[in-house]
Amino acid sequence: MTEPSTTNQDQSNPKKDNSKGINRALILLLVLLSLALGVTLWKYFELRRTLDQKGNEIELLSDERGELENELQDMLAELDTMETTNDSMKVELAQRKDEIEDLLAKVKDKDYAIYKLKKETKTLRTIMKGYVVTIDSLNTLNVSLRNENQAVRTTLSQERTKTQKLQKTNENLSSKVALASRLDVQNVRVFGIKVKRDMTGKETDRAKRTDKLRVCFTVDENRVAVKEKKNLYLRIIAPDGGILAAGESEDYKFEFNGVKGYYSDKLQIDYDQSAKEYCLDWEKPSEDYEMTSGTYTFFLYAEDYEMASTKYDLR
């Protein structure tokens, strides 16, 4: 009876050992799962806390960028109100405006560091405050200068009036002197000339026989006129209104009475203030040229003014 009971007891012991092993494994697994769950929960809450901090930082940075943008917009509006007549200051204000607009573009760029924006904005704000003081000083100075300029302009106006009166007086005197220094002529004689084969001439009043038209005259004595070389011009108008010119190019033109026209003959004299006689001729341009009968008008000029005029008839 004793031997069978011993055998049954020995057979039940392995089962109990297996059960205990399984329990221990389950407990260990539960512990490990609890630890893993704890670590996971810790990381989750840590990540959430980090994300909350980042969200707060992003919101804070967004607010700071918005404040910087408002400040820059205010500075831009303030620049538009600054008025000055100083050219160099106008250039500087334009440069500052470009810098502010550049910063406004950077504010909207999320990759541009906020601390750089704050630093550059602060620098611009300091410069702007200096401009306000400078422009106020310049405007005050301009008011003072305008008052001084007004006084100076009044004085200059008075002096200009005096000067104009003196100039008018001098012009009148100069005009009188200029008129007094003009050359006068007398004993003006006009006639036609028939040129002989021996190159001598004979006076004629017949158109068909006339080879030359000559005017002789005496330039009067004038002690007011300047001793110098002077140009004398003869200008003849034919009966048909045409000009008997010495040539057809621009070289045969001179200025008189404010216009330019052809001359018939030219003579340069060395005027010494004494009375002397001179003659000027116009010669037919060719042997085939036919003189027309009628009245010819002769004008004598010294430089650009008329000395005398007369008429002559060819039959």
Protein backbone atom coordinates (compact mmCIF):
# COMPACT_ATOMS: atom_id res chain seq x y z
CA MET A 1 0.00 0.00 0.00
CA THR A 2 2.86 2.28 0.73
CA GLU A 3 4.65 2.07 -2.66
CA PRO A 4 1.79 3.21 -5.00
CA SER A 5 1.12 6.45 -3.15
CA THR A 6 4.74 7.44 -3.44
CA THR A 7 4.67 7.02 -7.18
CA ASN A 8 1.64 9.34 -7.66
CA GLN A 9 3.25 12.11 -5.67
CA ASP A 10 6.34 11.99 -7.79
CA GLN A 11 4.27 12.25 -11.00
CA SER A 12 2.39 15.43 -9.90
CA ASN A 13 5.47 17.56 -9.13
CA PRO A 14 6.51 18.39 -12.75
CA LYS A 15 3.10 19.85 -13.52
CA LYS A 16 3.33 22.18 -10.62
CA ASP A 17 6.79 23.29 -11.70
CA ASN A 18 5.56 24.06 -15.23
CA SER A 19 2.67 26.08 -13.92
CA LYS A 20 4.94 28.13 -11.76
CA GLY A 21 7.29 28.78 -14.71
CA ILE A 22 4.45 29.96 -16.87
CA ASN A 23 3.21 32.28 -14.14
CA ARG A 24 6.63 33.77 -13.73
CA ALA A 25 6.92 34.36 -17.49
CA LEU A 26 3.53 35.99 -17.60
CA ILE A 27 4.41 38.23 -14.69
CA LEU A 28 7.70 39.18 -16.35
CA LEU A 29 5.91 39.87 -19.61
CA LEU A 30 3.35 42.05 -17.82
CA VAL A 31 6.14 43.94 -16.12
CA LEU A 32 7.93 44.49 -19.42
CA LEU A 33 4.73 45.58 -21.11
CA SER A 34 4.02 47.95 -18.24
CA LEU A 35 7.49 49.40 -18.54
CA ALA A 36 7.15 49.76 -22.32
CA LEU A 37 3.76 51.37 -21.94
CA GLY A 38 5.16 53.73 -19.33
CA VAL A 39 8.08 54.73 -21.56
CA THR A 40 5.73 55.22 -24.50
CA LEU A 41 3.36 57.34 -22.47
CA TRP A 42 6.31 59.38 -21.16
CA LYS A 43 7.62 59.99 -24.68
CA TYR A 44 4.13 60.85 -25.89
CA PHE A 45 3.56 63.45 -23.20
CA GLU A 46 7.13 64.80 -23.63
CA LEU A 47 6.60 65.13 -27.40
CA ARG A 48 3.25 66.82 -26.82
CA ARG A 49 4.84 69.24 -24.37
CA THR A 50 7.59 69.97 -26.91
CA LEU A 51 5.04 70.52 -29.66
CA ASP A 52 3.07 72.86 -27.43
CA GLN A 53 6.24 74.83 -26.72
CA LYS A 54 7.08 74.96 -30.44
CA GLY A 55 3.55 76.07 -31.21
CA ASN A 56 3.82 78.82 -28.63
CA GLU A 57 7.19 79.86 -30.05
CA ILE A 58 5.82 79.90 -33.61
CA GLU A 59 2.82 81.93 -32.48
CA LEU A 60 5.13 84.29 -30.61
CA LEU A 61 7.39 84.68 -33.67
CA SER A 62 4.36 85.30 -35.86
CA ASP A 63 3.20 88.00 -33.48
CA GLU A 64 6.68 89.57 -33.46
CA ARG A 65 6.81 89.55 -37.28
CA GLY A 66 3.39 91.17 -37.35
CA GLU A 67 4.54 93.87 -34.92
CA LEU A 68 7.70 94.46 -36.99
CA GLU A 69 5.62 94.71 -40.16
CA ASN A 70 3.32 97.28 -38.53
CA GLU A 71 6.31 99.26 -37.28
CA LEU A 72 7.92 99.25 -40.74
CA GLN A 73 4.63 100.33 -42.35
CA ASP A 74 4.44 103.21 -39.86
CA MET A 75 8.01 104.20 -40.68
CA LEU A 76 7.17 104.11 -44.40
CA ALA A 77 4.16 106.35 -43.85
CA GLU A 78 6.28 108.70 -41.73
CA LEU A 79 8.83 108.94 -44.53
CA ASP A 80 6.09 110.01 -46.94
CA THR A 81 5.24 112.94 -44.64
CA MET A 82 8.82 114.22 -44.52
CA GLU A 83 9.22 117.18 -46.85
CA THR A 84 12.48 118.92 -47.64
CA THR A 85 13.95 120.98 -50.45
CA ASN A 86 17.48 119.74 -49.74
CA ASP A 87 18.57 117.57 -52.69
CA SER A 88 21.01 115.38 -50.72
CA MET A 89 18.37 114.80 -48.03
CA LYS A 90 15.85 113.80 -50.71
CA VAL A 91 18.32 111.17 -51.96
CA GLU A 92 18.82 109.79 -48.43
CA LEU A 93 15.07 109.61 -47.79
CA ALA A 94 14.62 107.68 -51.03
CA GLN A 95 17.36 105.24 -49.97
CA ARG A 96 15.74 104.71 -46.56
CA LYS A 97 12.41 104.06 -48.25
CA ASP A 98 14.01 101.34 -50.39
CA GLU A 99 15.56 99.78 -47.25
CA ILE A 100 12.19 99.73 -45.43
CA GLU A 101 10.47 98.11 -48.41
CA ASP A 102 13.27 95.52 -48.52
CA LEU A 103 12.75 94.76 -44.81
CA LEU A 104 9.00 94.41 -45.35
CA ALA A 105 9.76 91.73 -47.93
CA LYS A 106 12.09 89.99 -45.44
CA VAL A 107 9.42 90.05 -42.71
CA LYS A 108 7.21 87.87 -44.91
CA ASP A 109 10.13 85.48 -45.48
CA LYS A 110 9.78 82.90 -42.67
CA ASP A 111 13.37 81.74 -43.19
CA TYR A 112 14.87 85.15 -42.42
CA ALA A 113 16.03 85.37 -38.78
CA ILE A 114 13.80 87.48 -36.54
CA TYR A 115 16.73 88.85 -34.56
CA LYS A 116 18.25 90.28 -37.75
CA LEU A 117 14.95 91.93 -38.60
CA LYS A 118 14.75 93.47 -35.13
CA LYS A 119 18.32 94.75 -35.36
CA GLU A 120 17.88 96.29 -38.82
CA THR A 121 14.52 97.80 -37.88
CA LYS A 122 16.01 99.34 -34.74
CA THR A 123 18.85 100.85 -36.78
CA LEU A 124 16.39 102.36 -39.25
CA ARG A 125 14.24 103.74 -36.44
CA THR A 126 17.30 105.50 -34.96
CA ILE A 127 18.18 106.97 -38.37
CA MET A 128 14.59 108.13 -38.85
CA LYS A 129 14.62 110.00 -35.55
CA GLY A 130 17.76 111.79 -36.71
CA TYR A 131 16.04 112.74 -39.97
CA VAL A 132 13.15 114.33 -38.12
CA VAL A 133 15.55 116.57 -36.20
CA THR A 134 17.61 117.36 -39.31
CA ILE A 135 14.59 118.20 -41.48
CA ASP A 136 13.12 120.43 -38.78
CA SER A 137 16.44 122.27 -38.58
CA LEU A 138 16.62 122.57 -42.36
CA ASN A 139 13.06 123.84 -42.60
CA THR A 140 13.74 126.42 -39.89
CA LEU A 141 16.91 127.43 -41.72
CA ASN A 142 15.00 127.61 -45.01
CA VAL A 143 12.42 129.94 -43.50
CA SER A 144 15.22 132.18 -42.28
CA LEU A 145 16.95 132.02 -45.64
CA ARG A 146 13.70 132.78 -47.46
CA ASN A 147 13.25 135.88 -45.34
CA GLU A 148 16.83 136.90 -46.03
CA ASN A 149 16.40 136.12 -49.73
CA GLN A 150 13.27 138.22 -49.86
CA ALA A 151 15.17 141.15 -48.38
CA VAL A 152 18.03 140.54 -50.81
CA ARG A 153 15.62 140.27 -53.75
CA THR A 154 14.02 143.55 -52.75
CA THR A 155 17.44 145.19 -52.62
CA LEU A 156 18.45 143.58 -55.91
CA SER A 157 15.21 144.73 -57.50
CA GLN A 158 15.93 148.28 -56.43
CA GLU A 159 19.50 148.03 -57.68
CA ARG A 160 18.31 146.42 -60.91
CA THR A 161 15.95 149.33 -61.46
CA LYS A 162 18.82 151.75 -60.97
CA THR A 163 21.01 149.69 -63.28
CA GLN A 164 18.33 149.55 -65.95
CA LYS A 165 17.97 153.32 -65.79
CA LEU A 166 21.74 153.70 -66.11
CA GLN A 167 21.80 151.18 -68.97
CA LYS A 168 19.03 153.05 -70.73
CA THR A 169 20.92 156.28 -70.28
CA ASN A 170 24.10 154.64 -71.54
CA GLU A 171 22.23 153.10 -74.47
CA ASN A 172 20.84 156.48 -75.38
CA LEU A 173 24.32 157.95 -75.16
CA SER A 174 25.76 155.01 -77.11
CA SER A 175 23.05 155.42 -79.74
CA LYS A 176 23.82 159.09 -80.02
CA VAL A 177 27.54 158.35 -80.28
CA ALA A 178 26.86 155.59 -82.84
CA LEU A 179 24.71 157.93 -84.89
CA ALA A 180 27.25 160.68 -84.58
CA SER A 181 30.06 158.33 -85.67
CA ARG A 182 28.27 157.26 -88.85
CA LEU A 183 29.75 158.34 -92.12
CA ASP A 184 27.91 160.85 -94.27
CA VAL A 185 28.40 161.47 -97.97
CA GLN A 186 27.83 164.37 -100.30
CA ASN A 187 28.33 165.23 -103.96
CA VAL A 188 26.83 161.91 -105.06
CA ARG A 189 27.07 161.53 -108.85
CA VAL A 190 25.76 158.63 -110.93
CA PHE A 191 26.36 157.94 -114.63
CA GLY A 192 26.74 155.22 -117.20
CA ILE A 193 30.06 154.44 -118.89
CA LYS A 194 30.80 153.19 -122.37
CA VAL A 195 34.12 151.29 -122.29
CA LYS A 196 36.32 151.92 -125.30
CA ARG A 197 38.79 149.55 -126.89
CA ASP A 198 41.68 151.28 -125.18
CA MET A 199 39.89 150.54 -121.89
CA THR A 200 39.12 154.20 -121.31
CA GLY A 201 35.58 155.20 -120.54
CA LYS A 202 33.07 157.72 -121.74
CA GLU A 203 29.93 158.84 -119.91
CA THR A 204 26.58 157.87 -121.45
CA ASP A 205 22.95 157.77 -120.46
CA ARG A 206 21.91 155.33 -123.21
CA ALA A 207 21.12 151.81 -122.05
CA LYS A 208 22.43 150.07 -125.18
CA ARG A 209 25.80 151.84 -124.91
CA THR A 210 26.27 151.38 -121.16
CA ASP A 211 28.88 148.85 -120.05
CA LYS A 212 29.19 150.09 -116.48
CA LEU A 213 27.21 152.01 -113.90
CA ARG A 214 29.33 154.21 -111.68
CA VAL A 215 28.62 156.24 -108.55
CA CYS A 216 31.14 158.73 -107.18
CA PHE A 217 30.79 160.51 -103.84
CA THR A 218 32.67 162.27 -101.07
CA VAL A 219 32.81 160.75 -97.58
CA ASP A 220 32.57 163.69 -95.16
CA GLU A 221 35.00 164.47 -92.39
CA ASN A 222 33.89 163.05 -89.02
CA ARG A 223 36.00 163.55 -85.89
CA VAL A 224 33.72 161.29 -83.82
CA ALA A 225 34.09 158.25 -86.07
CA VAL A 226 36.79 155.72 -85.25
CA LYS A 227 39.89 155.63 -87.42
CA GLU A 228 39.74 152.16 -88.93
CA LYS A 229 39.18 150.14 -92.06
CA LYS A 230 35.56 150.32 -93.21
CA ASN A 231 33.63 148.51 -95.92
CA LEU A 232 31.58 150.57 -98.38
CA TYR A 233 28.87 148.85 -100.43
CA LEU A 234 26.93 149.78 -103.56
CA ARG A 235 23.55 148.18 -104.19
CA ILE A 236 21.74 148.86 -107.48
CA ILE A 237 18.11 147.97 -108.21
CA ALA A 238 17.22 147.69 -111.91
CA PRO A 239 13.99 149.04 -113.40
CA ASP A 240 12.44 145.54 -113.21
CA GLY A 241 13.18 145.31 -109.45
CA GLY A 242 16.08 142.90 -109.79
CA ILE A 243 19.42 143.38 -108.04
CA LEU A 244 22.49 144.04 -110.17
CA ALA A 245 24.75 141.79 -108.11
CA ALA A 246 28.52 141.47 -108.29
CA GLY A 247 28.11 137.68 -108.15
CA GLU A 248 25.60 134.95 -107.42
CA SER A 249 27.21 133.14 -104.44
CA GLU A 250 26.82 133.88 -100.74
CA ASP A 251 30.19 135.64 -100.84
CA TYR A 252 28.50 138.56 -102.58
CA LYS A 253 26.03 139.21 -99.77
CA PHE A 254 26.23 141.63 -96.86
CA GLU A 255 24.00 142.51 -93.93
CA PHE A 256 22.09 145.77 -93.85
CA ASN A 257 19.03 146.97 -91.95
CA GLY A 258 18.83 143.58 -90.23
CA VAL A 259 18.67 141.54 -93.47
CA LYS A 260 21.15 140.04 -95.93
CA GLY A 261 21.24 140.85 -99.62
CA TYR A 262 23.50 141.05 -102.65
CA TYR A 263 25.76 144.02 -103.27
CA SER A 264 26.73 145.43 -106.66
CA ASP A 265 30.22 146.52 -105.63
CA LYS A 266 32.34 146.64 -102.51
CA LEU A 267 35.28 148.84 -101.46
CA GLN A 268 37.33 148.77 -98.27
CA ILE A 269 38.71 152.16 -97.22
CA ASP A 270 41.16 153.15 -94.51
CA TYR A 271 39.14 155.89 -92.88
CA ASP A 272 41.20 158.58 -91.12
CA GLN A 273 38.35 161.01 -90.25
CA SER A 274 39.18 163.26 -93.24
CA ALA A 275 36.97 163.93 -96.30
CA LYS A 276 37.83 161.87 -99.38
CA GLU A 277 36.24 160.98 -102.72
CA TYR A 278 35.55 157.42 -103.79
CA CYS A 279 33.86 155.62 -106.70
CA LEU A 280 32.07 152.27 -106.95
CA ASP A 281 31.24 150.48 -110.21
CA TRP A 282 28.93 147.76 -111.40
CA GLU A 283 30.00 146.13 -114.70
CA LYS A 284 27.94 144.02 -117.09
CA PRO A 285 28.61 140.30 -116.46
CA SER A 286 29.11 139.65 -120.20
CA GLU A 287 29.14 141.40 -123.56
CA ASP A 288 25.81 139.79 -124.47
CA TYR A 289 24.11 141.25 -121.40
CA GLU A 290 21.61 143.93 -122.44
CA MET A 291 20.94 146.91 -120.21
CA THR A 292 17.30 147.92 -120.09
CA SER A 293 16.14 151.49 -120.20
CA GLY A 294 14.39 152.94 -117.17
CA THR A 295 15.11 154.17 -113.66
CA TYR A 296 17.93 152.61 -111.64
CA THR A 297 18.07 153.12 -107.86
CA PHE A 298 21.47 153.39 -106.17
CA PHE A 299 22.06 152.76 -102.44
CA LEU A 300 25.32 153.48 -100.64
CA TYR A 301 26.14 151.68 -97.39
CA ALA A 302 28.95 152.03 -94.86
CA GLU A 303 29.16 148.71 -92.98
CA ASP A 304 25.46 147.88 -92.32
CA TYR A 305 23.79 151.29 -92.46
CA GLU A 306 22.64 153.39 -95.41
CA MET A 307 24.57 156.55 -96.19
CA ALA A 308 22.66 157.80 -99.23
CA SER A 309 20.41 156.81 -102.12
CA THR A 310 19.73 158.28 -105.53
CA LYS A 311 18.14 157.44 -108.89
CA TYR A 312 19.44 157.46 -112.44
CA ASP A 313 17.63 157.05 -115.76
CA LEU A 314 18.98 155.25 -118.79
CA ARG A 315 17.30 155.98 -122.11
